[in-house]
Amino acid sequence: FQPGEQDLALLKDARLFFHAGGSYEKAW
């Protein structure tokens, strides 16, 4: 999966971003 503009908009109002460090999260 590759996030598009609509997906990336979800980042705008967040304070914290959590990920697990996997290769499938690199785009995020």
mmCIF file of all heavy atoms, coordinates in Angstrom:
data_MODEL
# 
_entry.id   MODEL 
# 
loop_
_atom_site.group_PDB 
_atom_site.id 
_atom_site.type_symbol 
_atom_site.label_atom_id 
_atom_site.label_alt_id 
_atom_site.label_comp_id 
_atom_site.label_asym_id 
_atom_site.label_entity_id 
_atom_site.label_seq_id 
_atom_site.pdbx_PDB_ins_code 
_atom_site.Cartn_x 
_atom_site.Cartn_y 
_atom_site.Cartn_z 
_atom_site.occupancy 
_atom_site.B_iso_or_equiv 
_atom_site.pdbx_formal_charge 
_atom_site.auth_seq_id 
_atom_site.auth_comp_id 
_atom_site.auth_asym_id 
_atom_site.auth_atom_id 
_atom_site.pdbx_PDB_model_num 
ATOM 1   N N   . PHE A 1 1  ? 0.818   -1.214 0.000  1.00 0.00 ? 1  PHE A N   1 
ATOM 2   C CA  . PHE A 1 1  ? 0.000   0.000  0.000  1.00 0.00 ? 1  PHE A CA  1 
ATOM 3   C C   . PHE A 1 1  ? 0.852   1.265  0.000  1.00 0.00 ? 1  PHE A C   1 
ATOM 4   O O   . PHE A 1 1  ? 1.836   1.369  0.734  1.00 0.00 ? 1  PHE A O   1 
ATOM 5   C CB  . PHE A 1 1  ? -0.923  0.015  1.222  1.00 0.00 ? 1  PHE A CB  1 
ATOM 6   C CG  . PHE A 1 1  ? -1.724  1.279  1.352  1.00 0.00 ? 1  PHE A CG  1 
ATOM 7   C CD1 . PHE A 1 1  ? -2.775  1.537  0.489  1.00 0.00 ? 1  PHE A CD1 1 
ATOM 8   C CD2 . PHE A 1 1  ? -1.415  2.218  2.326  1.00 0.00 ? 1  PHE A CD2 1 
ATOM 9   C CE1 . PHE A 1 1  ? -3.514  2.715  0.595  1.00 0.00 ? 1  PHE A CE1 1 
ATOM 10  C CE2 . PHE A 1 1  ? -2.143  3.391  2.445  1.00 0.00 ? 1  PHE A CE2 1 
ATOM 11  C CZ  . PHE A 1 1  ? -3.199  3.638  1.578  1.00 0.00 ? 1  PHE A CZ  1 
ATOM 12  N N   . GLN A 1 2  ? 0.463   2.221  -0.825 1.00 0.00 ? 2  GLN A N   1 
ATOM 13  C CA  . GLN A 1 2  ? 1.108   3.534  -0.870 1.00 0.00 ? 2  GLN A CA  1 
ATOM 14  C C   . GLN A 1 2  ? 0.048   4.596  -0.589 1.00 0.00 ? 2  GLN A C   1 
ATOM 15  O O   . GLN A 1 2  ? -0.928  4.714  -1.318 1.00 0.00 ? 2  GLN A O   1 
ATOM 16  C CB  . GLN A 1 2  ? 1.756   3.786  -2.233 1.00 0.00 ? 2  GLN A CB  1 
ATOM 17  C CG  . GLN A 1 2  ? 2.943   2.899  -2.530 1.00 0.00 ? 2  GLN A CG  1 
ATOM 18  C CD  . GLN A 1 2  ? 4.123   3.199  -1.609 1.00 0.00 ? 2  GLN A CD  1 
ATOM 19  O OE1 . GLN A 1 2  ? 4.439   4.357  -1.345 1.00 0.00 ? 2  GLN A OE1 1 
ATOM 20  N NE2 . GLN A 1 2  ? 4.768   2.158  -1.123 1.00 0.00 ? 2  GLN A NE2 1 
ATOM 21  N N   . PRO A 1 3  ? 0.217   5.385  0.482  1.00 0.00 ? 3  PRO A N   1 
ATOM 22  C CA  . PRO A 1 3  ? -0.810  6.385  0.828  1.00 0.00 ? 3  PRO A CA  1 
ATOM 23  C C   . PRO A 1 3  ? -0.908  7.496  -0.202 1.00 0.00 ? 3  PRO A C   1 
ATOM 24  O O   . PRO A 1 3  ? 0.095   7.988  -0.711 1.00 0.00 ? 3  PRO A O   1 
ATOM 25  C CB  . PRO A 1 3  ? -0.317  6.920  2.180  1.00 0.00 ? 3  PRO A CB  1 
ATOM 26  C CG  . PRO A 1 3  ? 1.149   6.628  2.211  1.00 0.00 ? 3  PRO A CG  1 
ATOM 27  C CD  . PRO A 1 3  ? 1.333   5.362  1.447  1.00 0.00 ? 3  PRO A CD  1 
ATOM 28  N N   . GLY A 1 4  ? -2.144  7.881  -0.500 1.00 0.00 ? 4  GLY A N   1 
ATOM 29  C CA  . GLY A 1 4  ? -2.396  9.010  -1.387 1.00 0.00 ? 4  GLY A CA  1 
ATOM 30  C C   . GLY A 1 4  ? -2.652  10.273 -0.596 1.00 0.00 ? 4  GLY A C   1 
ATOM 31  O O   . GLY A 1 4  ? -2.547  10.295 0.635  1.00 0.00 ? 4  GLY A O   1 
ATOM 32  N N   . GLU A 1 5  ? -3.030  11.344 -1.287 1.00 0.00 ? 5  GLU A N   1 
ATOM 33  C CA  . GLU A 1 5  ? -3.229  12.632 -0.625 1.00 0.00 ? 5  GLU A CA  1 
ATOM 34  C C   . GLU A 1 5  ? -4.313  12.567 0.440  1.00 0.00 ? 5  GLU A C   1 
ATOM 35  O O   . GLU A 1 5  ? -4.178  13.154 1.514  1.00 0.00 ? 5  GLU A O   1 
ATOM 36  C CB  . GLU A 1 5  ? -3.579  13.701 -1.672 1.00 0.00 ? 5  GLU A CB  1 
ATOM 37  C CG  . GLU A 1 5  ? -2.413  14.083 -2.567 1.00 0.00 ? 5  GLU A CG  1 
ATOM 38  C CD  . GLU A 1 5  ? -2.765  15.250 -3.472 1.00 0.00 ? 5  GLU A CD  1 
ATOM 39  O OE1 . GLU A 1 5  ? -3.805  15.896 -3.219 1.00 0.00 ? 5  GLU A OE1 1 
ATOM 40  O OE2 . GLU A 1 5  ? -2.013  15.506 -4.421 1.00 0.00 ? 5  GLU A OE2 1 
ATOM 41  N N   . GLN A 1 6  ? -5.384  11.877 0.137  1.00 0.00 ? 6  GLN A N   1 
ATOM 42  C CA  . GLN A 1 6  ? -6.470  11.771 1.108  1.00 0.00 ? 6  GLN A CA  1 
ATOM 43  C C   . GLN A 1 6  ? -6.015  11.015 2.356  1.00 0.00 ? 6  GLN A C   1 
ATOM 44  O O   . GLN A 1 6  ? -6.402  11.358 3.480  1.00 0.00 ? 6  GLN A O   1 
ATOM 45  C CB  . GLN A 1 6  ? -7.671  11.065 0.470  1.00 0.00 ? 6  GLN A CB  1 
ATOM 46  C CG  . GLN A 1 6  ? -8.913  11.068 1.354  1.00 0.00 ? 6  GLN A CG  1 
ATOM 47  C CD  . GLN A 1 6  ? -10.129 10.510 0.635  1.00 0.00 ? 6  GLN A CD  1 
ATOM 48  O OE1 . GLN A 1 6  ? -10.056 10.097 -0.529 1.00 0.00 ? 6  GLN A OE1 1 
ATOM 49  N NE2 . GLN A 1 6  ? -11.258 10.484 1.319  1.00 0.00 ? 6  GLN A NE2 1 
ATOM 50  N N   . ASP A 1 7  ? -5.189  9.992  2.178  1.00 0.00 ? 7  ASP A N   1 
ATOM 51  C CA  . ASP A 1 7  ? -4.663  9.236  3.318  1.00 0.00 ? 7  ASP A CA  1 
ATOM 52  C C   . ASP A 1 7  ? -3.711  10.103 4.140  1.00 0.00 ? 7  ASP A C   1 
ATOM 53  O O   . ASP A 1 7  ? -3.764  10.112 5.378  1.00 0.00 ? 7  ASP A O   1 
ATOM 54  C CB  . ASP A 1 7  ? -3.924  7.986  2.834  1.00 0.00 ? 7  ASP A CB  1 
ATOM 55  C CG  . ASP A 1 7  ? -4.791  7.083  1.984  1.00 0.00 ? 7  ASP A CG  1 
ATOM 56  O OD1 . ASP A 1 7  ? -5.842  6.648  2.472  1.00 0.00 ? 7  ASP A OD1 1 
ATOM 57  O OD2 . ASP A 1 7  ? -4.414  6.830  0.823  1.00 0.00 ? 7  ASP A OD2 1 
ATOM 58  N N   . LEU A 1 8  ? -2.851  10.835 3.463  1.00 0.00 ? 8  LEU A N   1 
ATOM 59  C CA  . LEU A 1 8  ? -1.855  11.652 4.151  1.00 0.00 ? 8  LEU A CA  1 
ATOM 60  C C   . LEU A 1 8  ? -2.492  12.779 4.954  1.00 0.00 ? 8  LEU A C   1 
ATOM 61  O O   . LEU A 1 8  ? -1.901  13.274 5.920  1.00 0.00 ? 8  LEU A O   1 
ATOM 62  C CB  . LEU A 1 8  ? -0.863  12.225 3.143  1.00 0.00 ? 8  LEU A CB  1 
ATOM 63  C CG  . LEU A 1 8  ? -0.001  11.183 2.399  1.00 0.00 ? 8  LEU A CG  1 
ATOM 64  C CD1 . LEU A 1 8  ? 0.844   11.862 1.339  1.00 0.00 ? 8  LEU A CD1 1 
ATOM 65  C CD2 . LEU A 1 8  ? 0.868   10.418 3.377  1.00 0.00 ? 8  LEU A CD2 1 
ATOM 66  N N   . ALA A 1 9  ? -3.697  13.170 4.573  1.00 0.00 ? 9  ALA A N   1 
ATOM 67  C CA  . ALA A 1 9  ? -4.394  14.229 5.313  1.00 0.00 ? 9  ALA A CA  1 
ATOM 68  C C   . ALA A 1 9  ? -4.681  13.825 6.750  1.00 0.00 ? 9  ALA A C   1 
ATOM 69  O O   . ALA A 1 9  ? -4.872  14.687 7.619  1.00 0.00 ? 9  ALA A O   1 
ATOM 70  C CB  . ALA A 1 9  ? -5.693  14.589 4.595  1.00 0.00 ? 9  ALA A CB  1 
ATOM 71  N N   . LEU A 1 10 ? -4.695  12.527 7.021  1.00 0.00 ? 10 LEU A N   1 
ATOM 72  C CA  . LEU A 1 10 ? -4.946  12.044 8.383  1.00 0.00 ? 10 LEU A CA  1 
ATOM 73  C C   . LEU A 1 10 ? -3.834  12.425 9.349  1.00 0.00 ? 10 LEU A C   1 
ATOM 74  O O   . LEU A 1 10 ? -4.029  12.421 10.571 1.00 0.00 ? 10 LEU A O   1 
ATOM 75  C CB  . LEU A 1 10 ? -5.107  10.521 8.371  1.00 0.00 ? 10 LEU A CB  1 
ATOM 76  C CG  . LEU A 1 10 ? -6.282  9.953  7.580  1.00 0.00 ? 10 LEU A CG  1 
ATOM 77  C CD1 . LEU A 1 10 ? -6.183  8.434  7.502  1.00 0.00 ? 10 LEU A CD1 1 
ATOM 78  C CD2 . LEU A 1 10 ? -7.596  10.364 8.216  1.00 0.00 ? 10 LEU A CD2 1 
ATOM 79  N N   . LEU A 1 11 ? -2.662  12.752 8.818  1.00 0.00 ? 11 LEU A N   1 
ATOM 80  C CA  . LEU A 1 11 ? -1.531  13.106 9.666  1.00 0.00 ? 11 LEU A CA  1 
ATOM 81  C C   . LEU A 1 11 ? -1.601  14.539 10.181 1.00 0.00 ? 11 LEU A C   1 
ATOM 82  O O   . LEU A 1 11 ? -0.961  14.883 11.188 1.00 0.00 ? 11 LEU A O   1 
ATOM 83  C CB  . LEU A 1 11 ? -0.211  12.934 8.890  1.00 0.00 ? 11 LEU A CB  1 
ATOM 84  C CG  . LEU A 1 11 ? 0.107   11.552 8.325  1.00 0.00 ? 11 LEU A CG  1 
ATOM 85  C CD1 . LEU A 1 11 ? 1.386   11.625 7.502  1.00 0.00 ? 11 LEU A CD1 1 
ATOM 86  C CD2 . LEU A 1 11 ? 0.245   10.532 9.428  1.00 0.00 ? 11 LEU A CD2 1 
ATOM 87  N N   . LYS A 1 12 ? -2.383  15.368 9.520  1.00 0.00 ? 12 LYS A N   1 
ATOM 88  C CA  . LYS A 1 12 ? -2.323  16.810 9.737  1.00 0.00 ? 12 LYS A CA  1 
ATOM 89  C C   . LYS A 1 12 ? -2.636  17.225 11.178 1.00 0.00 ? 12 LYS A C   1 
ATOM 90  O O   . LYS A 1 12 ? -1.957  18.083 11.744 1.00 0.00 ? 12 LYS A O   1 
ATOM 91  C CB  . LYS A 1 12 ? -3.291  17.510 8.771  1.00 0.00 ? 12 LYS A CB  1 
ATOM 92  C CG  . LYS A 1 12 ? -3.219  19.024 8.837  1.00 0.00 ? 12 LYS A CG  1 
ATOM 93  C CD  . LYS A 1 12 ? -4.110  19.658 7.782  1.00 0.00 ? 12 LYS A CD  1 
ATOM 94  C CE  . LYS A 1 12 ? -5.580  19.351 8.035  1.00 0.00 ? 12 LYS A CE  1 
ATOM 95  N NZ  . LYS A 1 12 ? -6.480  20.115 7.129  1.00 0.00 ? 12 LYS A NZ  1 
ATOM 96  N N   . ASP A 1 13 ? -3.655  16.640 11.781 1.00 0.00 ? 13 ASP A N   1 
ATOM 97  C CA  . ASP A 1 13 ? -4.108  17.099 13.098 1.00 0.00 ? 13 ASP A CA  1 
ATOM 98  C C   . ASP A 1 13 ? -3.609  16.224 14.244 1.00 0.00 ? 13 ASP A C   1 
ATOM 99  O O   . ASP A 1 13 ? -3.993  16.445 15.393 1.00 0.00 ? 13 ASP A O   1 
ATOM 100 C CB  . ASP A 1 13 ? -5.642  17.145 13.132 1.00 0.00 ? 13 ASP A CB  1 
ATOM 101 C CG  . ASP A 1 13 ? -6.205  18.141 12.137 1.00 0.00 ? 13 ASP A CG  1 
ATOM 102 O OD1 . ASP A 1 13 ? -5.583  19.206 11.964 1.00 0.00 ? 13 ASP A OD1 1 
ATOM 103 O OD2 . ASP A 1 13 ? -7.245  17.851 11.522 1.00 0.00 ? 13 ASP A OD2 1 
ATOM 104 N N   . ALA A 1 14 ? -2.770  15.239 13.955 1.00 0.00 ? 14 ALA A N   1 
ATOM 105 C CA  . ALA A 1 14 ? -2.305  14.327 15.008 1.00 0.00 ? 14 ALA A CA  1 
ATOM 106 C C   . ALA A 1 14 ? -1.114  14.917 15.757 1.00 0.00 ? 14 ALA A C   1 
ATOM 107 O O   . ALA A 1 14 ? -0.349  15.721 15.214 1.00 0.00 ? 14 ALA A O   1 
ATOM 108 C CB  . ALA A 1 14 ? -1.929  12.982 14.399 1.00 0.00 ? 14 ALA A CB  1 
ATOM 109 N N   . ARG A 1 15 ? -0.955  14.492 17.011 1.00 0.00 ? 15 ARG A N   1 
ATOM 110 C CA  . ARG A 1 15 ? 0.218   14.881 17.806 1.00 0.00 ? 15 ARG A CA  1 
ATOM 111 C C   . ARG A 1 15 ? 1.279   13.788 17.821 1.00 0.00 ? 15 ARG A C   1 
ATOM 112 O O   . ARG A 1 15 ? 2.470   14.061 17.851 1.00 0.00 ? 15 ARG A O   1 
ATOM 113 C CB  . ARG A 1 15 ? -0.203  15.165 19.252 1.00 0.00 ? 15 ARG A CB  1 
ATOM 114 C CG  . ARG A 1 15 ? -0.854  16.507 19.470 1.00 0.00 ? 15 ARG A CG  1 
ATOM 115 C CD  . ARG A 1 15 ? -1.172  16.716 20.938 1.00 0.00 ? 15 ARG A CD  1 
ATOM 116 N NE  . ARG A 1 15 ? 0.015   16.659 21.774 1.00 0.00 ? 15 ARG A NE  1 
ATOM 117 C CZ  . ARG A 1 15 ? -0.018  16.553 23.100 1.00 0.00 ? 15 ARG A CZ  1 
ATOM 118 N NH1 . ARG A 1 15 ? -1.169  16.486 23.731 1.00 0.00 ? 15 ARG A NH1 1 
ATOM 119 N NH2 . ARG A 1 15 ? 1.107   16.520 23.797 1.00 0.00 ? 15 ARG A NH2 1 
ATOM 120 N N   . LEU A 1 16 ? 0.819   12.532 17.846 1.00 0.00 ? 16 LEU A N   1 
ATOM 121 C CA  . LEU A 1 16 ? 1.735   11.406 17.932 1.00 0.00 ? 16 LEU A CA  1 
ATOM 122 C C   . LEU A 1 16 ? 1.486   10.446 16.781 1.00 0.00 ? 16 LEU A C   1 
ATOM 123 O O   . LEU A 1 16 ? 0.350   10.212 16.380 1.00 0.00 ? 16 LEU A O   1 
ATOM 124 C CB  . LEU A 1 16 ? 1.557   10.654 19.258 1.00 0.00 ? 16 LEU A CB  1 
ATOM 125 C CG  . LEU A 1 16 ? 1.798   11.418 20.562 1.00 0.00 ? 16 LEU A CG  1 
ATOM 126 C CD1 . LEU A 1 16 ? 1.547   10.506 21.757 1.00 0.00 ? 16 LEU A CD1 1 
ATOM 127 C CD2 . LEU A 1 16 ? 3.213   11.972 20.607 1.00 0.00 ? 16 LEU A CD2 1 
ATOM 128 N N   . PHE A 1 17 ? 2.574   9.854  16.293 1.00 0.00 ? 17 PHE A N   1 
ATOM 129 C CA  . PHE A 1 17 ? 2.530   8.874  15.203 1.00 0.00 ? 17 PHE A CA  1 
ATOM 130 C C   . PHE A 1 17 ? 3.238   7.617  15.702 1.00 0.00 ? 17 PHE A C   1 
ATOM 131 O O   . PHE A 1 17 ? 4.427   7.661  16.049 1.00 0.00 ? 17 PHE A O   1 
ATOM 132 C CB  . PHE A 1 17 ? 3.245   9.449  13.974 1.00 0.00 ? 17 PHE A CB  1 
ATOM 133 C CG  . PHE A 1 17 ? 3.471   8.489  12.846 1.00 0.00 ? 17 PHE A CG  1 
ATOM 134 C CD1 . PHE A 1 17 ? 2.618   8.449  11.762 1.00 0.00 ? 17 PHE A CD1 1 
ATOM 135 C CD2 . PHE A 1 17 ? 4.568   7.620  12.857 1.00 0.00 ? 17 PHE A CD2 1 
ATOM 136 C CE1 . PHE A 1 17 ? 2.845   7.564  10.705 1.00 0.00 ? 17 PHE A CE1 1 
ATOM 137 C CE2 . PHE A 1 17 ? 4.800   6.730  11.814 1.00 0.00 ? 17 PHE A CE2 1 
ATOM 138 C CZ  . PHE A 1 17 ? 3.933   6.710  10.732 1.00 0.00 ? 17 PHE A CZ  1 
ATOM 139 N N   . PHE A 1 18 ? 2.522   6.509  15.761 1.00 0.00 ? 18 PHE A N   1 
ATOM 140 C CA  . PHE A 1 18 ? 3.098   5.250  16.225 1.00 0.00 ? 18 PHE A CA  1 
ATOM 141 C C   . PHE A 1 18 ? 3.231   4.263  15.059 1.00 0.00 ? 18 PHE A C   1 
ATOM 142 O O   . PHE A 1 18 ? 2.294   4.103  14.276 1.00 0.00 ? 18 PHE A O   1 
ATOM 143 C CB  . PHE A 1 18 ? 2.209   4.607  17.299 1.00 0.00 ? 18 PHE A CB  1 
ATOM 144 C CG  . PHE A 1 18 ? 2.316   5.252  18.650 1.00 0.00 ? 18 PHE A CG  1 
ATOM 145 C CD1 . PHE A 1 18 ? 1.470   6.285  19.009 1.00 0.00 ? 18 PHE A CD1 1 
ATOM 146 C CD2 . PHE A 1 18 ? 3.253   4.815  19.577 1.00 0.00 ? 18 PHE A CD2 1 
ATOM 147 C CE1 . PHE A 1 18 ? 1.556   6.884  20.260 1.00 0.00 ? 18 PHE A CE1 1 
ATOM 148 C CE2 . PHE A 1 18 ? 3.357   5.400  20.832 1.00 0.00 ? 18 PHE A CE2 1 
ATOM 149 C CZ  . PHE A 1 18 ? 2.502   6.436  21.174 1.00 0.00 ? 18 PHE A CZ  1 
ATOM 150 N N   . HIS A 1 19 ? 4.387   3.614  14.995 1.00 0.00 ? 19 HIS A N   1 
ATOM 151 C CA  . HIS A 1 19 ? 4.579   2.562  13.997 1.00 0.00 ? 19 HIS A CA  1 
ATOM 152 C C   . HIS A 1 19 ? 5.403   1.442  14.627 1.00 0.00 ? 19 HIS A C   1 
ATOM 153 O O   . HIS A 1 19 ? 5.999   1.611  15.706 1.00 0.00 ? 19 HIS A O   1 
ATOM 154 C CB  . HIS A 1 19 ? 5.270   3.115  12.747 1.00 0.00 ? 19 HIS A CB  1 
ATOM 155 C CG  . HIS A 1 19 ? 6.693   3.531  12.961 1.00 0.00 ? 19 HIS A CG  1 
ATOM 156 N ND1 . HIS A 1 19 ? 7.768   2.833  12.457 1.00 0.00 ? 19 HIS A ND1 1 
ATOM 157 C CD2 . HIS A 1 19 ? 7.233   4.581  13.636 1.00 0.00 ? 19 HIS A CD2 1 
ATOM 158 C CE1 . HIS A 1 19 ? 8.900   3.429  12.805 1.00 0.00 ? 19 HIS A CE1 1 
ATOM 159 N NE2 . HIS A 1 19 ? 8.604   4.490  13.517 1.00 0.00 ? 19 HIS A NE2 1 
ATOM 160 N N   . ALA A 1 20 ? 5.449   0.292  13.949 1.00 0.00 ? 20 ALA A N   1 
ATOM 161 C CA  . ALA A 1 20 ? 6.141   -0.876 14.494 1.00 0.00 ? 20 ALA A CA  1 
ATOM 162 C C   . ALA A 1 20 ? 7.520   -1.082 13.895 1.00 0.00 ? 20 ALA A C   1 
ATOM 163 O O   . ALA A 1 20 ? 8.220   -2.019 14.284 1.00 0.00 ? 20 ALA A O   1 
ATOM 164 C CB  . ALA A 1 20 ? 5.281   -2.133 14.287 1.00 0.00 ? 20 ALA A CB  1 
ATOM 165 N N   . GLY A 1 21 ? 7.902   -0.266 12.925 1.00 0.00 ? 21 GLY A N   1 
ATOM 166 C CA  . GLY A 1 21 ? 9.233   -0.387 12.343 1.00 0.00 ? 21 GLY A CA  1 
ATOM 167 C C   . GLY A 1 21 ? 9.331   -1.375 11.203 1.00 0.00 ? 21 GLY A C   1 
ATOM 168 O O   . GLY A 1 21 ? 10.444  -1.761 10.813 1.00 0.00 ? 21 GLY A O   1 
ATOM 169 N N   . GLY A 1 22 ? 8.201   -1.786 10.643 1.00 0.00 ? 22 GLY A N   1 
ATOM 170 C CA  . GLY A 1 22 ? 8.219   -2.753 9.539  1.00 0.00 ? 22 GLY A CA  1 
ATOM 171 C C   . GLY A 1 22 ? 8.430   -2.092 8.189  1.00 0.00 ? 22 GLY A C   1 
ATOM 172 O O   . GLY A 1 22 ? 8.217   -0.888 8.022  1.00 0.00 ? 22 GLY A O   1 
ATOM 173 N N   . SER A 1 23 ? 8.850   -2.891 7.216  1.00 0.00 ? 23 SER A N   1 
ATOM 174 C CA  . SER A 1 23 ? 9.068   -2.355 5.871  1.00 0.00 ? 23 SER A CA  1 
ATOM 175 C C   . SER A 1 23 ? 7.762   -1.872 5.252  1.00 0.00 ? 23 SER A C   1 
ATOM 176 O O   . SER A 1 23 ? 7.758   -0.961 4.417  1.00 0.00 ? 23 SER A O   1 
ATOM 177 C CB  . SER A 1 23 ? 9.698   -3.437 4.981  1.00 0.00 ? 23 SER A CB  1 
ATOM 178 O OG  . SER A 1 23 ? 8.803   -4.525 4.801  1.00 0.00 ? 23 SER A OG  1 
ATOM 179 N N   . TYR A 1 24 ? 6.650   -2.472 5.662  1.00 0.00 ? 24 TYR A N   1 
ATOM 180 C CA  . TYR A 1 24 ? 5.351   -2.112 5.110  1.00 0.00 ? 24 TYR A CA  1 
ATOM 181 C C   . TYR A 1 24 ? 4.829   -0.791 5.686  1.00 0.00 ? 24 TYR A C   1 
ATOM 182 O O   . TYR A 1 24 ? 3.719   -0.367 5.365  1.00 0.00 ? 24 TYR A O   1 
ATOM 183 C CB  . TYR A 1 24 ? 4.326   -3.229 5.379  1.00 0.00 ? 24 TYR A CB  1 
ATOM 184 C CG  . TYR A 1 24 ? 4.519   -3.938 6.689  1.00 0.00 ? 24 TYR A CG  1 
ATOM 185 C CD1 . TYR A 1 24 ? 4.180   -3.348 7.900  1.00 0.00 ? 24 TYR A CD1 1 
ATOM 186 C CD2 . TYR A 1 24 ? 5.075   -5.211 6.711  1.00 0.00 ? 24 TYR A CD2 1 
ATOM 187 C CE1 . TYR A 1 24 ? 4.369   -4.000 9.093  1.00 0.00 ? 24 TYR A CE1 1 
ATOM 188 C CE2 . TYR A 1 24 ? 5.283   -5.872 7.915  1.00 0.00 ? 24 TYR A CE2 1 
ATOM 189 C CZ  . TYR A 1 24 ? 4.923   -5.260 9.099  1.00 0.00 ? 24 TYR A CZ  1 
ATOM 190 O OH  . TYR A 1 24 ? 5.128   -5.913 10.293 1.00 0.00 ? 24 TYR A OH  1 
ATOM 191 N N   . GLU A 1 25 ? 5.610   -0.137 6.543  1.00 0.00 ? 25 GLU A N   1 
ATOM 192 C CA  . GLU A 1 25 ? 5.200   1.149  7.115  1.00 0.00 ? 25 GLU A CA  1 
ATOM 193 C C   . GLU A 1 25 ? 6.093   2.311  6.652  1.00 0.00 ? 25 GLU A C   1 
ATOM 194 O O   . GLU A 1 25 ? 5.879   3.446  7.050  1.00 0.00 ? 25 GLU A O   1 
ATOM 195 C CB  . GLU A 1 25 ? 5.254   1.079  8.647  1.00 0.00 ? 25 GLU A CB  1 
ATOM 196 C CG  . GLU A 1 25 ? 4.363   0.011  9.246  1.00 0.00 ? 25 GLU A CG  1 
ATOM 197 C CD  . GLU A 1 25 ? 4.746   -0.282 10.691 1.00 0.00 ? 25 GLU A CD  1 
ATOM 198 O OE1 . GLU A 1 25 ? 5.850   -0.812 10.905 1.00 0.00 ? 25 GLU A OE1 1 
ATOM 199 O OE2 . GLU A 1 25 ? 3.948   0.041  11.584 1.00 0.00 ? 25 GLU A OE2 1 
ATOM 200 N N   . LYS A 1 26 ? 7.076   2.029  5.824  1.00 0.00 ? 26 LYS A N   1 
ATOM 201 C CA  . LYS A 1 26 ? 8.067   3.042  5.469  1.00 0.00 ? 26 LYS A CA  1 
ATOM 202 C C   . LYS A 1 26 ? 7.462   4.256  4.797  1.00 0.00 ? 26 LYS A C   1 
ATOM 203 O O   . LYS A 1 26 ? 7.873   5.401  5.052  1.00 0.00 ? 26 LYS A O   1 
ATOM 204 C CB  . LYS A 1 26 ? 9.149   2.419  4.579  1.00 0.00 ? 26 LYS A CB  1 
ATOM 205 C CG  . LYS A 1 26 ? 10.118  1.531  5.344  1.00 0.00 ? 26 LYS A CG  1 
ATOM 206 C CD  . LYS A 1 26 ? 11.222  1.000  4.440  1.00 0.00 ? 26 LYS A CD  1 
ATOM 207 C CE  . LYS A 1 26 ? 12.218  0.160  5.236  1.00 0.00 ? 26 LYS A CE  1 
ATOM 208 N NZ  . LYS A 1 26 ? 13.295  -0.384 4.368  1.00 0.00 ? 26 LYS A NZ  1 
ATOM 209 N N   . ALA A 1 27 ? 6.472   4.044  3.930  1.00 0.00 ? 27 ALA A N   1 
ATOM 210 C CA  . ALA A 1 27 ? 5.857   5.179  3.246  1.00 0.00 ? 27 ALA A CA  1 
ATOM 211 C C   . ALA A 1 27 ? 5.173   6.107  4.246  1.00 0.00 ? 27 ALA A C   1 
ATOM 212 O O   . ALA A 1 27 ? 5.249   7.339  4.134  1.00 0.00 ? 27 ALA A O   1 
ATOM 213 C CB  . ALA A 1 27 ? 4.854   4.693  2.207  1.00 0.00 ? 27 ALA A CB  1 
ATOM 214 N N   . TRP A 1 28 ? 4.539   5.506  5.247  1.00 0.00 ? 28 TRP A N   1 
ATOM 215 C CA  . TRP A 1 28 ? 3.891   6.315  6.279  1.00 0.00 ? 28 TRP A CA  1 
ATOM 216 C C   . TRP A 1 28 ? 4.926   7.076  7.114  1.00 0.00 ? 28 TRP A C   1 
ATOM 217 O O   . TRP A 1 28 ? 4.731   8.236  7.471  1.00 0.00 ? 28 TRP A O   1 
ATOM 218 C CB  . TRP A 1 28 ? 3.052   5.434  7.186  1.00 0.00 ? 28 TRP A CB  1 
ATOM 219 C CG  . TRP A 1 28 ? 1.724   5.028  6.641  1.00 0.00 ? 28 TRP A CG  1 
ATOM 220 C CD1 . TRP A 1 28 ? 1.279   3.760  6.372  1.00 0.00 ? 28 TRP A CD1 1 
ATOM 221 C CD2 . TRP A 1 28 ? 0.630   5.896  6.301  1.00 0.00 ? 28 TRP A CD2 1 
ATOM 222 N NE1 . TRP A 1 28 ? 0.008   3.783  5.878  1.00 0.00 ? 28 TRP A NE1 1 
ATOM 223 C CE2 . TRP A 1 28 ? -0.422  5.085  5.827  1.00 0.00 ? 28 TRP A CE2 1 
ATOM 224 C CE3 . TRP A 1 28 ? 0.454   7.277  6.341  1.00 0.00 ? 28 TRP A CE3 1 
ATOM 225 C CZ2 . TRP A 1 28 ? -1.636  5.614  5.405  1.00 0.00 ? 28 TRP A CZ2 1 
ATOM 226 C CZ3 . TRP A 1 28 ? -0.768  7.808  5.918  1.00 0.00 ? 28 TRP A CZ3 1 
ATOM 227 C CH2 . TRP A 1 28 ? -1.792  6.979  5.462  1.00 0.00 ? 28 TRP A CH2 1 
# 
